[in-house]
Amino acid sequence: MRVGNVNALSVKYTIKILDPHPFLFKPESSDLGLPTLSKDTGNRQTPRLTTLMFSSQGKVVEADPSFRYGKWVNEK
C-alpha cells in the first residue's frame, strides 16, 4: 500500500526466544514488562502484527503496530 511517498507493508510475525534465561519462566518477569514463558508453549510468543513504512529509497521509516490494512485490519 502506498501512502504519499511511503510504502506500507503489514506483517504478522512470531518471536522465538533462543536460549532463554530461567528468569523468563517466572511470573516476576512480567513486572518488568517481559513475556512470561511457559514450559507448554516453549520459546514461541504469540503472533504480533505491525506495519513497516518504507521510504521511496527502500529505507525503513518506522514500524507502526497501530496502523494495519489488508487481511489483518480488524485483527486484535
N, C-alpha and C. Protein backbone atom coordinates (compact mmCIF):
# COMPACT_ATOMS: atom_id res chain seq x y z
N MET A 1 0.85 -1.17 0.00
CA MET A 1 0.00 0.00 0.00
C MET A 1 0.90 1.23 0.00
N ARG A 2 0.53 2.22 -0.75
CA ARG A 2 1.31 3.44 -0.83
C ARG A 2 0.55 4.58 -0.15
N VAL A 3 1.22 5.30 0.76
CA VAL A 3 0.66 6.45 1.45
C VAL A 3 1.59 7.62 1.18
N GLY A 4 1.22 8.48 0.24
CA GLY A 4 2.11 9.58 -0.14
C GLY A 4 3.37 9.03 -0.76
N ASN A 5 4.53 9.38 -0.22
CA ASN A 5 5.81 8.89 -0.72
C ASN A 5 6.32 7.68 0.07
N VAL A 6 5.45 7.10 0.87
CA VAL A 6 5.86 5.99 1.74
C VAL A 6 5.09 4.73 1.36
N ASN A 7 5.80 3.62 1.28
CA ASN A 7 5.17 2.32 1.06
C ASN A 7 4.96 1.65 2.41
N ALA A 8 3.78 1.07 2.60
CA ALA A 8 3.46 0.40 3.86
C ALA A 8 3.28 -1.10 3.60
N LEU A 9 3.81 -1.91 4.50
CA LEU A 9 3.72 -3.35 4.39
C LEU A 9 3.34 -3.90 5.76
N SER A 10 2.12 -4.46 5.89
CA SER A 10 1.71 -5.07 7.15
C SER A 10 2.25 -6.49 7.21
N VAL A 11 2.77 -6.86 8.37
CA VAL A 11 3.35 -8.20 8.55
C VAL A 11 2.87 -8.79 9.87
N LYS A 12 2.77 -10.11 9.88
CA LYS A 12 2.44 -10.85 11.10
C LYS A 12 3.65 -11.75 11.36
N TYR A 13 4.18 -11.70 12.57
CA TYR A 13 5.37 -12.47 12.88
C TYR A 13 5.28 -13.05 14.28
N THR A 14 6.06 -14.10 14.51
CA THR A 14 6.13 -14.76 15.80
C THR A 14 7.57 -14.73 16.27
N ILE A 15 7.77 -14.29 17.49
CA ILE A 15 9.11 -14.22 18.06
C ILE A 15 9.45 -15.58 18.67
N LYS A 16 10.64 -16.05 18.39
CA LYS A 16 11.14 -17.27 19.03
C LYS A 16 12.37 -16.87 19.84
N ILE A 17 12.30 -17.10 21.14
CA ILE A 17 13.40 -16.73 22.03
C ILE A 17 14.36 -17.91 22.10
N LEU A 18 15.60 -17.67 21.71
CA LEU A 18 16.63 -18.71 21.75
C LEU A 18 17.40 -18.60 23.05
N ASP A 19 17.62 -19.72 23.68
CA ASP A 19 18.40 -19.80 24.92
C ASP A 19 17.89 -18.81 25.98
N PRO A 20 16.62 -18.95 26.41
CA PRO A 20 16.07 -18.00 27.38
C PRO A 20 16.67 -18.18 28.77
N HIS A 21 16.77 -17.09 29.48
CA HIS A 21 17.23 -17.13 30.86
C HIS A 21 16.11 -17.73 31.71
N PRO A 22 16.42 -18.53 32.73
CA PRO A 22 15.39 -19.14 33.58
C PRO A 22 14.43 -18.13 34.22
N PHE A 23 14.86 -16.87 34.39
CA PHE A 23 14.00 -15.83 34.97
C PHE A 23 12.75 -15.61 34.12
N LEU A 24 12.84 -15.81 32.80
CA LEU A 24 11.69 -15.58 31.93
C LEU A 24 10.56 -16.58 32.17
N PHE A 25 10.84 -17.68 32.86
CA PHE A 25 9.80 -18.66 33.18
C PHE A 25 9.12 -18.35 34.51
N LYS A 26 9.57 -17.32 35.20
CA LYS A 26 8.99 -16.95 36.49
C LYS A 26 7.98 -15.82 36.30
N PRO A 27 6.89 -15.82 37.07
CA PRO A 27 5.88 -14.76 36.95
C PRO A 27 6.43 -13.37 37.25
N GLU A 28 7.51 -13.28 38.03
CA GLU A 28 8.08 -11.97 38.37
C GLU A 28 8.60 -11.23 37.13
N SER A 29 8.88 -11.94 36.07
CA SER A 29 9.39 -11.29 34.86
C SER A 29 8.35 -10.35 34.25
N SER A 30 7.06 -10.61 34.48
CA SER A 30 6.02 -9.75 33.92
C SER A 30 6.04 -8.36 34.57
N ASP A 31 6.55 -8.24 35.79
CA ASP A 31 6.65 -6.93 36.44
C ASP A 31 7.58 -5.99 35.68
N LEU A 32 8.51 -6.55 34.93
CA LEU A 32 9.44 -5.76 34.13
C LEU A 32 8.96 -5.55 32.71
N GLY A 33 7.74 -6.04 32.42
CA GLY A 33 7.21 -5.91 31.07
C GLY A 33 7.74 -6.98 30.13
N LEU A 34 8.38 -8.01 30.70
CA LEU A 34 8.91 -9.10 29.90
C LEU A 34 7.86 -10.19 29.74
N PRO A 35 7.90 -10.91 28.63
CA PRO A 35 6.94 -12.01 28.47
C PRO A 35 7.29 -13.15 29.41
N THR A 36 6.28 -13.74 30.03
CA THR A 36 6.50 -14.90 30.88
C THR A 36 6.34 -16.14 30.00
N LEU A 37 7.39 -16.91 29.89
CA LEU A 37 7.34 -18.12 29.09
C LEU A 37 6.76 -19.26 29.91
N SER A 38 6.12 -20.18 29.23
CA SER A 38 5.64 -21.38 29.92
C SER A 38 6.31 -22.59 29.30
N LYS A 39 6.41 -23.65 30.07
CA LYS A 39 7.04 -24.86 29.55
C LYS A 39 6.18 -25.46 28.43
N ASP A 40 4.87 -25.16 28.43
CA ASP A 40 3.97 -25.72 27.41
C ASP A 40 4.20 -25.10 26.04
N THR A 41 4.33 -23.77 25.99
CA THR A 41 4.49 -23.10 24.71
C THR A 41 5.94 -23.04 24.25
N GLY A 42 6.85 -23.36 25.14
CA GLY A 42 8.26 -23.31 24.75
C GLY A 42 8.73 -21.88 24.61
N ASN A 43 9.51 -21.62 23.60
CA ASN A 43 10.12 -20.31 23.43
C ASN A 43 9.37 -19.42 22.45
N ARG A 44 8.23 -19.85 21.95
CA ARG A 44 7.49 -19.04 20.98
C ARG A 44 6.50 -18.12 21.69
N GLN A 45 6.44 -16.92 21.22
CA GLN A 45 5.49 -15.94 21.74
C GLN A 45 4.26 -15.92 20.83
N THR A 46 3.21 -15.22 21.27
CA THR A 46 2.02 -15.10 20.44
C THR A 46 2.36 -14.26 19.21
N PRO A 47 1.70 -14.53 18.10
CA PRO A 47 1.96 -13.74 16.89
C PRO A 47 1.68 -12.26 17.12
N ARG A 48 2.47 -11.43 16.47
CA ARG A 48 2.31 -9.97 16.57
C ARG A 48 2.08 -9.40 15.19
N LEU A 49 1.40 -8.26 15.16
CA LEU A 49 1.13 -7.56 13.90
C LEU A 49 1.76 -6.18 13.94
N THR A 50 2.32 -5.76 12.84
CA THR A 50 2.82 -4.40 12.73
C THR A 50 2.84 -4.01 11.26
N THR A 51 3.01 -2.75 11.00
CA THR A 51 3.14 -2.25 9.64
C THR A 51 4.48 -1.54 9.53
N LEU A 52 5.26 -1.94 8.55
CA LEU A 52 6.55 -1.32 8.29
C LEU A 52 6.36 -0.27 7.21
N MET A 53 6.92 0.91 7.44
CA MET A 53 6.84 2.01 6.48
C MET A 53 8.22 2.19 5.84
N PHE A 54 8.25 2.17 4.50
CA PHE A 54 9.50 2.31 3.75
C PHE A 54 9.47 3.59 2.92
N SER A 55 10.60 4.27 2.87
CA SER A 55 10.72 5.44 2.00
C SER A 55 10.82 4.97 0.56
N SER A 56 10.74 5.89 -0.39
CA SER A 56 10.86 5.52 -1.80
C SER A 56 12.26 4.98 -2.13
N GLN A 57 13.24 5.24 -1.27
CA GLN A 57 14.59 4.69 -1.45
C GLN A 57 14.74 3.30 -0.84
N GLY A 58 13.69 2.79 -0.17
CA GLY A 58 13.72 1.45 0.40
C GLY A 58 14.17 1.40 1.85
N LYS A 59 14.40 2.54 2.48
CA LYS A 59 14.81 2.55 3.89
C LYS A 59 13.58 2.52 4.79
N VAL A 60 13.70 1.79 5.91
CA VAL A 60 12.59 1.71 6.87
C VAL A 60 12.43 3.06 7.56
N VAL A 61 11.24 3.62 7.49
CA VAL A 61 10.95 4.90 8.12
C VAL A 61 10.49 4.67 9.55
N GLU A 62 9.56 3.71 9.74
CA GLU A 62 9.06 3.39 11.07
C GLU A 62 8.32 2.06 11.04
N ALA A 63 8.10 1.51 12.21
CA ALA A 63 7.24 0.35 12.40
C ALA A 63 6.09 0.81 13.28
N ASP A 64 4.87 0.70 12.79
CA ASP A 64 3.70 1.22 13.48
C ASP A 64 2.67 0.11 13.70
N PRO A 65 2.62 -0.49 14.90
CA PRO A 65 1.66 -1.57 15.14
C PRO A 65 0.20 -1.11 15.18
N SER A 66 -0.05 0.19 15.25
CA SER A 66 -1.43 0.66 15.31
C SER A 66 -2.04 0.85 13.91
N PHE A 67 -1.21 0.86 12.87
CA PHE A 67 -1.69 1.05 11.50
C PHE A 67 -1.68 -0.29 10.79
N ARG A 68 -2.87 -0.76 10.37
CA ARG A 68 -2.98 -2.04 9.69
C ARG A 68 -3.87 -1.91 8.47
N TYR A 69 -3.65 -2.78 7.52
CA TYR A 69 -4.50 -2.84 6.35
C TYR A 69 -4.50 -4.29 5.85
N GLY A 70 -5.31 -4.57 4.87
CA GLY A 70 -5.35 -5.92 4.31
C GLY A 70 -6.10 -6.87 5.22
N LYS A 71 -5.69 -8.14 5.19
CA LYS A 71 -6.44 -9.16 5.94
C LYS A 71 -6.33 -9.02 7.44
N TRP A 72 -5.40 -8.22 7.95
CA TRP A 72 -5.23 -8.08 9.40
C TRP A 72 -5.83 -6.79 9.94
N VAL A 73 -6.57 -6.05 9.15
CA VAL A 73 -7.05 -4.73 9.56
C VAL A 73 -7.92 -4.79 10.81
N ASN A 74 -8.71 -5.82 10.98
CA ASN A 74 -9.60 -5.91 12.15
C ASN A 74 -9.13 -6.89 13.21
N GLU A 75 -7.97 -7.49 13.02
CA GLU A 75 -7.47 -8.47 13.98
C GLU A 75 -6.84 -7.76 15.17
N LYS A 76 -7.07 -8.31 16.34
CA LYS A 76 -6.50 -7.71 17.57
C LYS A 76 -5.32 -8.49 18.03
